[in-house]
Amino acid sequence: MKKSTLGVGTMQIGIWIGIVISAIISFLVASFYEQPLHWYLFVLIVFIGFFINTIILILKTKDEKEKNGT
């Protein structure tokens, strides 16, 4: 069975949890240092995390295709 190269099918649930947990930790650190916090910053952190993960998946797919010679 072949997996899709992009999208949710290739992202493991652990990556989703890791991105959300890292956003929560960044909010806790910002709160500790009494920085201003807004809900949209949390959404932005999560969005950027998924964007970076998508770029990593694209680069991995490209690298695997080059190794396989296709």
C-alpha atoms as a PDB file:
ATOM      1  CA  MET A   1       0.000   0.000   0.000  1.00  0.00           C
ATOM      2  CA  LYS A   2       1.435   3.359  -1.045  1.00  0.00           C
ATOM      3  CA  LYS A   3       1.218   6.408   1.208  1.00  0.00           C
ATOM      4  CA  SER A   4       0.501   9.841  -0.163  1.00  0.00           C
ATOM      5  CA  THR A   5       3.545  12.091  -0.403  1.00  0.00           C
ATOM      6  CA  LEU A   6       1.910  15.123   1.194  1.00  0.00           C
ATOM      7  CA  GLY A   7      -0.937  15.865   3.533  1.00  0.00           C
ATOM      8  CA  VAL A   8      -2.211  14.514   6.807  1.00  0.00           C
ATOM      9  CA  GLY A   9      -1.695  10.890   5.776  1.00  0.00           C
ATOM     10  CA  THR A  10       2.056  11.169   6.101  1.00  0.00           C
ATOM     11  CA  MET A  11       2.112  13.216   9.303  1.00  0.00           C
ATOM     12  CA  GLN A  12       2.129  11.073  12.392  1.00  0.00           C
ATOM     13  CA  ILE A  13      -0.048  12.025  15.347  1.00  0.00           C
ATOM     14  CA  GLY A  14       3.094  12.481  17.466  1.00  0.00           C
ATOM     15  CA  ILE A  15       4.183  15.392  15.296  1.00  0.00           C
ATOM     16  CA  TRP A  16       0.815  17.119  15.811  1.00  0.00           C
ATOM     17  CA  ILE A  17       1.070  16.623  19.567  1.00  0.00           C
ATOM     18  CA  GLY A  18       4.680  17.839  19.591  1.00  0.00           C
ATOM     19  CA  ILE A  19       3.816  21.047  17.753  1.00  0.00           C
ATOM     20  CA  VAL A  20       0.911  21.830  20.092  1.00  0.00           C
ATOM     21  CA  ILE A  21       2.970  21.016  23.206  1.00  0.00           C
ATOM     22  CA  SER A  22       5.822  23.238  22.012  1.00  0.00           C
ATOM     23  CA  ALA A  23       3.343  26.090  21.476  1.00  0.00           C
ATOM     24  CA  ILE A  24       2.005  25.593  25.009  1.00  0.00           C
ATOM     25  CA  ILE A  25       5.543  25.560  26.442  1.00  0.00           C
ATOM     26  CA  SER A  26       6.399  28.761  24.580  1.00  0.00           C
ATOM     27  CA  PHE A  27       3.308  30.399  26.113  1.00  0.00           C
ATOM     28  CA  LEU A  28       4.335  29.223  29.577  1.00  0.00           C
ATOM     29  CA  VAL A  29       7.837  30.660  29.121  1.00  0.00           C
ATOM     30  CA  ALA A  30       6.402  33.948  27.845  1.00  0.00           C
ATOM     31  CA  SER A  31       4.027  34.056  30.807  1.00  0.00           C
ATOM     32  CA  PHE A  32       6.918  33.404  33.198  1.00  0.00           C
ATOM     33  CA  TYR A  33       8.780  36.411  31.782  1.00  0.00           C
ATOM     34  CA  GLU A  34       5.557  38.497  31.851  1.00  0.00           C
ATOM     35  CA  GLN A  35       5.385  39.015  28.096  1.00  0.00           C
ATOM     36  CA  PRO A  36       2.083  40.002  26.450  1.00  0.00           C
ATOM     37  CA  LEU A  37       0.101  36.975  25.287  1.00  0.00           C
ATOM     38  CA  HIS A  38      -2.716  36.909  22.749  1.00  0.00           C
ATOM     39  CA  TRP A  39      -4.715  33.976  21.383  1.00  0.00           C
ATOM     40  CA  TYR A  40      -3.645  34.683  17.799  1.00  0.00           C
ATOM     41  CA  LEU A  41       0.016  34.237  18.756  1.00  0.00           C
ATOM     42  CA  PHE A  42      -0.762  30.665  19.813  1.00  0.00           C
ATOM     43  CA  VAL A  43      -2.498  30.038  16.482  1.00  0.00           C
ATOM     44  CA  LEU A  44       0.451  31.592  14.647  1.00  0.00           C
ATOM     45  CA  ILE A  45       2.974  29.400  16.484  1.00  0.00           C
ATOM     46  CA  VAL A  46       0.976  26.260  15.652  1.00  0.00           C
ATOM     47  CA  PHE A  47       0.534  27.339  12.016  1.00  0.00           C
ATOM     48  CA  ILE A  48       4.266  28.017  11.605  1.00  0.00           C
ATOM     49  CA  GLY A  49       5.041  24.640  13.196  1.00  0.00           C
ATOM     50  CA  PHE A  50       2.860  22.839  10.660  1.00  0.00           C
ATOM     51  CA  PHE A  51       4.331  24.913   7.833  1.00  0.00           C
ATOM     52  CA  ILE A  52       7.889  24.000   8.828  1.00  0.00           C
ATOM     53  CA  ASN A  53       6.881  20.345   9.144  1.00  0.00           C
ATOM     54  CA  THR A  54       5.357  20.446   5.649  1.00  0.00           C
ATOM     55  CA  ILE A  55       8.606  21.863   4.238  1.00  0.00           C
ATOM     56  CA  ILE A  56      10.546  19.071   5.962  1.00  0.00           C
ATOM     57  CA  LEU A  57       8.195  16.457   4.469  1.00  0.00           C
ATOM     58  CA  ILE A  58       8.637  17.936   0.983  1.00  0.00           C
ATOM     59  CA  LEU A  59      12.429  17.910   1.317  1.00  0.00           C
ATOM     60  CA  LYS A  60      12.390  14.324   2.635  1.00  0.00           C
ATOM     61  CA  THR A  61      10.268  13.211  -0.309  1.00  0.00           C
ATOM     62  CA  LYS A  62      12.606  14.950  -2.742  1.00  0.00           C
ATOM     63  CA  ASP A  63      15.641  13.325  -1.114  1.00  0.00           C
ATOM     64  CA  GLU A  64      14.050   9.860  -1.177  1.00  0.00           C
ATOM     65  CA  LYS A  65      13.199  10.232  -4.869  1.00  0.00           C
ATOM     66  CA  GLU A  66      16.817  11.165  -5.660  1.00  0.00           C
ATOM     67  CA  LYS A  67      18.118   8.159  -3.703  1.00  0.00           C
ATOM     68  CA  ASN A  68      15.759   5.821  -5.549  1.00  0.00           C
ATOM     69  CA  GLY A  69      16.817   7.271  -8.899  1.00  0.00           C
ATOM     70  CA  THR A  70      13.346   8.263 -10.067  1.00  0.00           C
END
